[in-house]
């Protein structure tokens, strides 16, 4: 028996596998583009919370890393943040690993991308998973439901520009 789906012919087994992969992709998008495979969901930090941390005189400042695309970082980024590279690529993950290798596993770290709507971001969850897998236990992710421009820049929060 064969099934026709949108001009493609599938055997019953292929159709089951297709359905499973589509439902898996939907589950991945609900967590921000990547499955955590047992890792805790990212601890989210609202933009106004990060602004308060940046303005505060108390305690050590977190290491803030932009794990998205360079062009976005150059246009505007969180003051004091570092560009690491897109965590959706092997090179970006390698740069992330290199950057944090000497940090204490308890050091506060904030990750952000802001390239697109939260549920479609290809970069944040891979970076979060990588750091958690390396033993970092004080990692938070800046929650930008729309994108960095809308949820940070347009709200008048502080930015730096350039490389």
Foldseek 3Di string as FASTA:
>chain_A
DWDADPNDIDDPVRVVVVVVVVVVQVVCLVLQNHDLVPDDRAAEDEPVRLLCLVPDPDDDRAAEEEQEDPVVQQAKDDPNHYYQYALLDPSSLVSLCVVCVPPDLAGAYEYEHFPAARSHRSGDSSSVSSSVVVNRDRYHYYHDRGGCCVRAVVVPHDIDHHD
